[in-house]
Amino acid sequence: MKPQFLRFILFSLLLVLPLAGAEATSDGELVGTPTPLRNVPAEVAAIADGKMVAYYMPAIRGGQTIATAMLFIPKGPAPAGGWPLVVFGHDTTGWARECAPSVYLQKPPQETMLWYLTPWVVDMLKSGMVVIAPDYEGMGPAKLGVPDTGHPYYNLLSTGRSMAYAAVAAKRALGDKLSGAWASAGLSEGGFAALAAAQYSDLAKQRDASLDYRGAAAAAPAMYRDELGAINWASIVEKSITHDLEAGFDELTFFNTEPMYIVKSAIGAGYQVNPADIFGDRLLRIYDTKIRLCLTELRAAVSQDVNEYWFENRLVNTPDKYPGLKIEALSKNPGLKAFNEENQIRGQVKLPGDILLVQGTTDSASALPTTLRLAQALLLNGTNVRLAVYDGPDHFGVIIPALPVMRAHLQKLFAKP
């Protein structure tokens, strides 16, 4: 090897390896300068400026990673003392990097989506709150440095960090334009994220003493996945017995889709889970070949397969016989059971601030009994909890009727000195 080439290699290593004794970049620090966000839905763009933010956070498997978030700032000057901040968690969109809501927003306008929760974002902005919406660890634009490691779906620590350090990133981006008061909110996986933010809110204060966490508004957070699975499975079995097969196969699609993300997340976090122990042969093929699909597309793939199964023998093949998720695995498979138990809010710690839980009575994705169980656990541990139950709405149907109570709760949090 020529000496010149050897010197080139040594110089290259100096560029990519940290110097001995050098401090790592602080979690929550910005990666570059926030850039304008394109294709923001019209109802949001009319009242707010959108920025794309990248920031550092710890990776679930160790080391540091880059995360991204969408930052929405009400148009006009900041009020005296600065705006309050809501860290807003999105619902389930997928496992792969490209399933981030911010990535969807970069598609042609006719394809854009700010989740089903755009009305909540608009309402918070109109109420004078800045909103930062994390993509969560493992999801976001590749061009901003998000690694292709996958999203730690329903991982409590990862999600809590994503939310808490997003608050730090917002403060870094806006400085004194933010008051420092912040809260968390969201529905479905975002409801889980809102509570995870509460549990790990101290991480934000450790990075910026001005950040003062006030509480959460968490809708349909889908806790206690073993109990939730048992409730869904009982409904599928009942429809199989009563020959309400079309409805049964519709429920079967939901029942078999999101657990694939859970299994992928558990494996990615180091839990010992063998997918063949969790899924029957038909669902295992979908898991092996299509796990990168985002939720809408993955659900469509499952729906197609369960319907093909039904039409293969409509006299025999009922929903409860489909070779999909093995219901017993939710409570008995050691690795999956450990993941579910260790990565949910169960009242292990008293959550700071005031917590609002929102739930619709016909929600099958986050059944009422599981949210009631969560509220009880939090109350027993001393957490300040309010529960708003709406008679009739399903998982996303609760969004509009819950708007007034969500708004009032957040305004009350930020009205405190």
Protein backbone atom coordinates (compact mmCIF):
# COMPACT_ATOMS: atom_id res chain seq x y z
CA MET A 1 0.00 0.00 0.00
CA LYS A 2 1.36 3.44 -0.91
CA PRO A 3 2.07 5.83 1.99
CA GLN A 4 -0.17 8.52 0.46
CA PHE A 5 -3.14 6.13 0.44
CA LEU A 6 -2.49 5.15 4.05
CA ARG A 7 -2.50 8.81 5.12
CA PHE A 8 -5.80 9.27 3.27
CA ILE A 9 -7.37 6.38 5.23
CA LEU A 10 -6.16 7.79 8.56
CA PHE A 11 -7.51 11.24 7.68
CA SER A 12 -10.88 9.75 6.70
CA LEU A 13 -11.13 7.94 10.02
CA LEU A 14 -10.51 11.19 11.87
CA LEU A 15 -13.49 12.67 10.04
CA VAL A 16 -15.95 9.97 11.12
CA LEU A 17 -14.67 8.92 14.55
CA PRO A 18 -15.27 11.15 17.61
CA LEU A 19 -12.19 12.60 19.20
CA ALA A 20 -11.18 11.08 22.54
CA GLY A 21 -12.90 12.95 25.37
CA ALA A 22 -15.26 14.84 23.03
CA GLU A 23 -18.83 15.16 24.28
CA ALA A 24 -21.64 13.61 22.26
CA THR A 25 -24.26 15.94 20.81
CA SER A 26 -27.00 16.58 23.36
CA ASP A 27 -30.31 14.79 22.86
CA GLY A 28 -32.92 17.23 21.61
CA GLU A 29 -30.34 19.39 19.82
CA LEU A 30 -31.27 20.34 16.26
CA VAL A 31 -29.68 18.69 13.26
CA GLY A 32 -29.20 21.57 10.89
CA THR A 33 -31.73 24.38 10.49
CA PRO A 34 -35.51 23.77 10.34
CA THR A 35 -36.80 23.99 6.77
CA PRO A 36 -40.22 24.91 5.36
CA LEU A 37 -42.69 22.03 5.27
CA ARG A 38 -44.31 21.50 1.89
CA ASN A 39 -47.86 20.33 1.12
CA VAL A 40 -49.30 21.28 4.48
CA PRO A 41 -53.09 20.74 4.39
CA ALA A 42 -54.88 23.97 3.51
CA GLU A 43 -56.74 24.27 6.81
CA VAL A 44 -53.42 24.15 8.69
CA ALA A 45 -51.46 26.33 6.25
CA ALA A 46 -54.09 29.07 6.55
CA ILE A 47 -53.33 29.61 10.23
CA ALA A 48 -49.78 28.34 10.77
CA ASP A 49 -46.30 28.11 9.31
CA GLY A 50 -44.96 24.58 9.01
CA LYS A 51 -41.32 23.63 9.58
CA MET A 52 -39.51 20.32 9.29
CA VAL A 53 -37.26 19.70 12.29
CA ALA A 54 -34.58 17.05 12.80
CA TYR A 55 -33.09 16.37 16.23
CA TYR A 56 -30.89 13.93 18.10
CA MET A 57 -32.23 11.32 20.52
CA PRO A 58 -31.03 8.03 22.04
CA ALA A 59 -31.65 4.93 19.92
CA ILE A 60 -33.50 2.05 21.54
CA ARG A 61 -30.62 -0.34 20.76
CA GLY A 62 -27.97 2.06 22.07
CA GLY A 63 -26.08 5.03 20.73
CA GLN A 64 -27.69 8.11 19.25
CA THR A 65 -30.02 8.50 16.31
CA ILE A 66 -31.75 11.25 14.34
CA ALA A 67 -35.49 11.80 14.69
CA THR A 68 -37.80 14.18 12.86
CA ALA A 69 -40.90 16.19 13.63
CA MET A 70 -43.28 18.66 12.04
CA LEU A 71 -43.42 22.03 13.80
CA PHE A 72 -46.51 24.20 13.34
CA ILE A 73 -46.35 27.81 14.51
CA PRO A 74 -49.41 30.10 14.62
CA LYS A 75 -49.15 32.97 12.15
CA GLY A 76 -48.40 36.35 13.65
CA PRO A 77 -46.20 37.48 16.52
CA ALA A 78 -45.78 35.41 19.65
CA PRO A 79 -47.75 36.63 22.69
CA ALA A 80 -45.99 38.23 25.64
CA GLY A 81 -44.18 35.46 27.45
CA GLY A 82 -44.33 33.12 24.45
CA TRP A 83 -46.62 30.41 23.14
CA PRO A 84 -47.30 27.18 25.04
CA LEU A 85 -46.30 23.97 23.26
CA VAL A 86 -48.22 20.75 22.56
CA VAL A 87 -46.17 17.69 21.57
CA PHE A 88 -48.68 15.82 19.46
CA GLY A 89 -48.42 12.05 18.92
CA HIS A 90 -49.74 10.56 15.69
CA ASP A 91 -51.83 7.41 15.36
CA THR A 92 -50.42 4.20 13.87
CA THR A 93 -49.09 4.73 10.36
CA GLY A 94 -46.66 1.83 10.00
CA TRP A 95 -43.29 0.39 10.97
CA ALA A 96 -40.99 1.44 8.12
CA ARG A 97 -39.14 4.74 7.80
CA GLU A 98 -41.28 5.87 4.88
CA CYS A 99 -44.52 5.56 6.88
CA ALA A 100 -43.88 8.78 8.81
CA PRO A 101 -46.63 11.41 8.54
CA SER A 102 -44.03 13.95 7.45
CA VAL A 103 -43.13 11.71 4.51
CA TYR A 104 -46.78 11.52 3.48
CA LEU A 105 -46.87 15.31 3.46
CA GLN A 106 -44.13 15.42 0.83
CA LYS A 107 -46.27 13.52 -1.67
CA PRO A 108 -48.47 15.29 -4.23
CA PRO A 109 -51.20 17.37 -2.57
CA GLN A 110 -53.98 14.99 -3.52
CA GLU A 111 -52.23 12.27 -1.50
CA THR A 112 -51.31 14.30 1.55
CA MET A 113 -52.60 13.45 4.99
CA LEU A 114 -52.11 14.95 8.40
CA TRP A 115 -53.71 11.85 9.89
CA TYR A 116 -57.34 11.73 10.86
CA LEU A 117 -56.40 14.16 13.62
CA THR A 118 -56.06 17.35 11.57
CA PRO A 119 -59.09 18.89 13.37
CA TRP A 120 -57.24 18.62 16.68
CA VAL A 121 -54.10 20.22 15.22
CA VAL A 122 -56.17 23.07 13.79
CA ASP A 123 -58.01 23.56 17.07
CA MET A 124 -54.80 23.74 19.10
CA LEU A 125 -53.27 26.25 16.68
CA LYS A 126 -56.40 28.42 16.78
CA SER A 127 -56.17 28.29 20.58
CA GLY A 128 -52.72 29.88 20.43
CA MET A 129 -50.60 26.79 20.92
CA VAL A 130 -47.51 25.74 18.98
CA VAL A 131 -47.71 22.10 17.88
CA ILE A 132 -44.74 19.83 17.26
CA ALA A 133 -45.63 16.40 15.88
CA PRO A 134 -42.84 13.80 16.11
CA ASP A 135 -42.57 11.08 13.49
CA TYR A 136 -41.21 8.82 16.31
CA GLU A 137 -37.89 7.00 16.32
CA GLY A 138 -37.16 5.09 13.12
CA MET A 139 -39.64 6.99 10.94
CA GLY A 140 -39.00 10.10 8.89
CA PRO A 141 -37.29 11.38 5.74
CA ALA A 142 -34.12 9.51 4.80
CA LYS A 143 -32.61 12.73 3.43
CA LEU A 144 -32.62 14.21 6.94
CA GLY A 145 -30.60 11.30 8.30
CA VAL A 146 -33.29 9.04 9.77
CA PRO A 147 -31.76 5.53 9.70
CA ASP A 148 -33.58 2.58 8.17
CA THR A 149 -33.88 0.69 11.46
CA GLY A 150 -37.67 0.58 11.73
CA HIS A 151 -40.00 2.16 14.26
CA PRO A 152 -40.03 0.80 17.84
CA TYR A 153 -43.82 0.53 17.75
CA TYR A 154 -45.49 0.81 21.18
CA ASN A 155 -42.09 0.86 22.85
CA LEU A 156 -42.57 2.97 25.97
CA LEU A 157 -39.01 4.26 26.37
CA SER A 158 -38.47 5.01 22.68
CA THR A 159 -41.80 6.78 22.35
CA GLY A 160 -41.30 8.79 25.54
CA ARG A 161 -37.91 9.92 24.36
CA SER A 162 -39.24 10.83 20.90
CA MET A 163 -41.86 13.06 22.51
CA ALA A 164 -39.73 14.61 25.27
CA TYR A 165 -36.81 15.46 23.02
CA ALA A 166 -39.21 16.89 20.44
CA ALA A 167 -40.15 19.45 23.11
CA VAL A 168 -36.45 20.28 23.49
CA ALA A 169 -36.08 20.58 19.71
CA ALA A 170 -39.04 22.97 19.52
CA LYS A 171 -37.49 25.12 22.22
CA ARG A 172 -34.17 25.12 20.38
CA ALA A 173 -35.94 26.18 17.18
CA LEU A 174 -38.14 28.92 18.64
CA GLY A 175 -36.32 30.08 21.77
CA ASP A 176 -38.16 32.76 23.73
CA LYS A 177 -41.12 32.54 21.37
CA LEU A 178 -42.12 29.53 23.53
CA SER A 179 -43.15 30.09 27.12
CA GLY A 180 -41.63 26.79 28.27
CA ALA A 181 -44.99 25.33 29.32
CA TRP A 182 -45.70 22.16 27.40
CA ALA A 183 -48.17 19.29 27.30
CA SER A 184 -48.66 16.13 25.25
CA ALA A 185 -51.67 14.89 23.29
CA GLY A 186 -52.73 12.29 20.74
CA LEU A 187 -55.08 9.47 19.84
CA SER A 188 -54.47 5.72 19.51
CA GLU A 189 -50.70 5.19 19.33
CA GLY A 190 -50.59 8.94 19.84
CA GLY A 191 -52.57 8.56 23.07
CA PHE A 192 -49.97 6.06 24.22
CA ALA A 193 -47.28 8.55 23.14
CA ALA A 194 -48.92 11.33 25.15
CA LEU A 195 -48.73 9.22 28.31
CA ALA A 196 -45.19 8.07 27.50
CA ALA A 197 -44.25 11.76 27.22
CA ALA A 198 -45.65 12.32 30.70
CA GLN A 199 -43.62 9.45 32.13
CA TYR A 200 -40.39 10.70 30.53
CA SER A 201 -41.04 14.46 30.70
CA ASP A 202 -38.11 14.94 33.09
CA LEU A 203 -35.78 14.18 30.17
CA ALA A 204 -36.85 17.44 28.55
CA LYS A 205 -36.28 19.46 31.72
CA GLN A 206 -32.82 17.94 32.11
CA ARG A 207 -31.93 19.41 28.71
CA ASP A 208 -33.71 22.75 29.19
CA ALA A 209 -34.72 23.93 32.65
CA SER A 210 -37.33 26.30 31.19
CA LEU A 211 -39.45 23.39 29.92
CA ASP A 212 -42.33 22.93 32.36
CA TYR A 213 -44.51 19.86 31.71
CA ARG A 214 -48.19 20.40 32.55
CA GLY A 215 -50.04 17.20 31.57
CA ALA A 216 -51.57 15.11 28.78
CA ALA A 217 -54.73 14.61 26.74
CA ALA A 218 -54.68 10.95 25.66
CA ALA A 219 -57.49 9.49 23.58
CA ALA A 220 -58.00 5.73 23.08
CA PRO A 221 -54.40 4.79 24.00
CA ALA A 222 -54.88 1.03 23.37
CA MET A 223 -53.28 -0.35 26.54
CA TYR A 224 -53.29 -3.91 27.93
CA ARG A 225 -52.88 -5.58 24.57
CA ASP A 226 -53.54 -9.08 25.94
CA GLU A 227 -56.94 -8.00 27.30
CA LEU A 228 -57.68 -5.98 24.17
CA GLY A 229 -56.81 -8.98 22.00
CA ALA A 230 -59.05 -11.24 24.08
CA ILE A 231 -61.97 -8.80 23.69
CA ASN A 232 -61.49 -8.62 19.91
CA TRP A 233 -61.06 -12.39 19.61
CA ALA A 234 -64.25 -13.08 21.59
CA SER A 235 -66.17 -10.91 19.13
CA ILE A 236 -64.64 -12.78 16.16
CA VAL A 237 -65.53 -16.16 17.68
CA GLU A 238 -69.09 -15.00 18.38
CA LYS A 239 -69.56 -13.89 14.78
CA SER A 240 -68.17 -17.21 13.57
CA ILE A 241 -70.71 -19.10 15.68
CA THR A 242 -73.65 -16.89 14.67
CA HIS A 243 -72.53 -16.91 11.00
CA ASP A 244 -72.20 -13.13 10.88
CA LEU A 245 -69.22 -13.94 8.69
CA GLU A 246 -68.78 -10.73 6.71
CA ALA A 247 -68.53 -8.69 9.90
CA GLY A 248 -66.32 -11.35 11.44
CA PHE A 249 -63.82 -11.23 8.58
CA ASP A 250 -63.79 -7.42 8.74
CA GLU A 251 -62.84 -7.61 12.42
CA LEU A 252 -60.30 -10.31 11.62
CA THR A 253 -58.44 -7.89 9.33
CA PHE A 254 -57.92 -5.40 12.14
CA PHE A 255 -57.10 -8.15 14.63
CA ASN A 256 -54.27 -9.48 12.45
CA THR A 257 -52.67 -6.28 11.15
CA GLU A 258 -51.14 -4.19 13.94
CA PRO A 259 -49.75 -7.20 15.87
CA MET A 260 -47.29 -7.64 13.01
CA TYR A 261 -45.82 -4.23 13.86
CA ILE A 262 -45.72 -5.21 17.55
CA VAL A 263 -43.73 -8.37 16.79
CA LYS A 264 -41.30 -6.50 14.53
CA SER A 265 -40.84 -3.86 17.22
CA ALA A 266 -40.24 -6.46 19.95
CA ILE A 267 -37.59 -8.22 17.88
CA GLY A 268 -35.93 -4.89 17.03
CA ALA A 269 -35.72 -4.02 20.73
CA GLY A 270 -33.98 -7.31 21.54
CA TYR A 271 -36.88 -9.40 22.87
CA GLN A 272 -36.70 -13.09 21.99
CA VAL A 273 -39.75 -13.53 19.76
CA ASN A 274 -40.06 -16.02 16.90
CA PRO A 275 -42.76 -14.85 14.45
CA ALA A 276 -43.58 -18.49 13.61
CA ASP A 277 -44.70 -18.92 17.22
CA ILE A 278 -47.05 -15.93 16.95
CA PHE A 279 -48.60 -16.23 13.48
CA GLY A 280 -50.21 -19.03 11.51
CA ASP A 281 -48.81 -19.86 8.08
CA ARG A 282 -50.95 -17.44 6.04
CA LEU A 283 -50.24 -14.40 8.21
CA LEU A 284 -46.59 -15.40 8.56
CA ARG A 285 -46.19 -15.12 4.78
CA ILE A 286 -47.58 -11.59 4.88
CA TYR A 287 -45.31 -10.68 7.79
CA ASP A 288 -42.24 -12.05 6.00
CA THR A 289 -42.92 -10.23 2.72
CA LYS A 290 -44.95 -7.11 3.49
CA ILE A 291 -44.05 -5.77 6.92
CA ARG A 292 -42.65 -2.59 5.35
CA LEU A 293 -46.08 -1.66 4.04
CA CYS A 294 -47.68 1.28 5.81
CA LEU A 295 -50.87 0.65 7.74
CA THR A 296 -53.43 1.30 5.00
CA GLU A 297 -51.58 -0.93 2.53
CA LEU A 298 -50.77 -3.64 5.07
CA ARG A 299 -54.38 -3.75 6.21
CA ALA A 300 -55.46 -4.09 2.56
CA ALA A 301 -53.06 -7.01 2.09
CA VAL A 302 -54.47 -8.77 5.16
CA SER A 303 -58.03 -8.04 4.06
CA GLN A 304 -57.35 -9.55 0.65
CA ASP A 305 -55.88 -12.69 2.19
CA VAL A 306 -58.65 -13.27 4.74
CA ASN A 307 -61.26 -12.85 2.00
CA GLU A 308 -59.40 -15.27 -0.27
CA TYR A 309 -59.38 -17.72 2.62
CA TRP A 310 -63.13 -17.29 3.06
CA PHE A 311 -63.91 -17.80 -0.62
CA GLU A 312 -61.77 -20.94 -0.80
CA ASN A 313 -64.48 -22.75 1.17
CA ARG A 314 -67.33 -20.54 2.29
CA LEU A 315 -69.08 -23.44 4.03
CA VAL A 316 -66.14 -24.33 6.29
CA ASN A 317 -63.73 -21.41 6.55
CA THR A 318 -65.01 -19.17 9.34
CA PRO A 319 -63.08 -16.20 10.80
CA ASP A 320 -62.00 -18.07 13.92
CA LYS A 321 -60.25 -20.73 11.81
CA TYR A 322 -58.04 -18.36 9.81
CA PRO A 323 -54.31 -19.20 10.28
CA GLY A 324 -53.41 -15.77 11.61
CA LEU A 325 -52.50 -14.35 15.01
CA LYS A 326 -52.47 -17.07 17.64
CA ILE A 327 -54.55 -15.58 20.43
CA GLU A 328 -52.79 -17.57 23.15
CA ALA A 329 -49.45 -16.01 22.16
CA LEU A 330 -50.55 -12.60 23.50
CA SER A 331 -50.59 -13.90 27.07
CA LYS A 332 -48.37 -16.99 26.96
CA ASN A 333 -45.48 -16.41 24.56
CA PRO A 334 -42.63 -15.37 26.91
CA GLY A 335 -40.98 -12.83 24.64
CA LEU A 336 -44.16 -11.17 23.41
CA LYS A 337 -45.69 -11.19 26.88
CA ALA A 338 -42.59 -9.52 28.31
CA PHE A 339 -42.63 -6.85 25.59
CA ASN A 340 -46.31 -6.04 26.15
CA GLU A 341 -45.98 -5.94 29.94
CA GLU A 342 -42.84 -3.83 30.00
CA ASN A 343 -43.98 -1.32 27.39
CA GLN A 344 -47.28 0.02 28.55
CA ILE A 345 -48.44 2.61 31.04
CA ARG A 346 -49.80 0.65 33.97
CA GLY A 347 -49.55 3.13 36.79
CA GLN A 348 -46.04 1.96 37.75
CA VAL A 349 -45.18 5.58 38.42
CA LYS A 350 -47.24 8.63 39.28
CA LEU A 351 -47.50 10.69 36.13
CA PRO A 352 -46.84 14.43 36.47
CA GLY A 353 -49.43 17.07 35.69
CA ASP A 354 -53.11 16.52 34.99
CA ILE A 355 -54.11 13.67 32.66
CA LEU A 356 -57.25 13.51 30.52
CA LEU A 357 -58.28 10.14 29.05
CA VAL A 358 -60.83 10.15 26.20
CA GLN A 359 -62.70 7.06 24.99
CA GLY A 360 -65.62 6.13 22.73
CA THR A 361 -67.88 3.27 23.77
CA THR A 362 -67.92 1.41 20.44
CA ASP A 363 -64.15 1.57 19.92
CA SER A 364 -62.77 -1.91 19.17
CA ALA A 365 -59.20 -0.74 18.50
CA SER A 366 -58.94 0.55 22.07
CA ALA A 367 -61.78 -1.06 23.96
CA LEU A 368 -63.45 0.82 26.81
CA PRO A 369 -62.62 -1.83 29.48
CA THR A 370 -58.88 -1.39 28.83
CA THR A 371 -59.06 2.39 29.19
CA LEU A 372 -61.12 2.03 32.38
CA ARG A 373 -58.48 -0.35 33.71
CA LEU A 374 -55.77 2.17 32.86
CA ALA A 375 -57.63 5.01 34.59
CA GLN A 376 -58.01 2.91 37.72
CA ALA A 377 -54.31 1.99 37.76
CA LEU A 378 -53.27 5.62 37.39
CA LEU A 379 -55.68 6.79 40.09
CA LEU A 380 -54.43 4.17 42.53
CA ASN A 381 -50.91 5.45 42.02
CA GLY A 382 -51.86 9.03 42.77
CA THR A 383 -51.97 10.43 39.23
CA ASN A 384 -54.48 13.23 38.64
CA VAL A 385 -56.79 11.68 36.04
CA ARG A 386 -60.06 12.70 34.39
CA LEU A 387 -61.96 10.33 32.10
CA ALA A 388 -64.30 11.49 29.33
CA VAL A 389 -66.39 8.65 27.81
CA TYR A 390 -68.53 9.30 24.73
CA ASP A 391 -71.50 7.03 24.07
CA GLY A 392 -71.46 5.84 20.47
CA PRO A 393 -68.22 6.93 18.78
CA ASP A 394 -65.67 4.40 17.58
CA HIS A 395 -61.89 4.79 17.44
CA PHE A 396 -61.70 7.83 15.13
CA GLY A 397 -65.31 8.87 15.54
CA VAL A 398 -64.46 10.28 18.97
CA ILE A 399 -62.29 13.03 17.46
CA ILE A 400 -64.98 15.65 16.78
CA PRO A 401 -67.12 15.23 19.92
CA ALA A 402 -63.97 15.25 22.08
CA LEU A 403 -62.65 18.53 20.64
CA PRO A 404 -64.22 20.84 23.25
CA VAL A 405 -63.06 18.83 26.27
CA MET A 406 -59.56 18.39 24.80
CA ARG A 407 -59.32 22.14 24.16
CA ALA A 408 -60.60 23.05 27.61
CA HIS A 409 -58.19 20.62 29.26
CA LEU A 410 -55.15 22.01 27.45
CA GLN A 411 -56.19 25.61 28.04
CA LYS A 412 -56.57 24.86 31.74
CA LEU A 413 -53.11 23.30 31.84
CA PHE A 414 -51.54 26.36 30.25
CA ALA A 415 -53.53 28.84 32.36
CA LYS A 416 -51.70 27.68 35.49
CA PRO A 417 -48.86 29.97 36.62
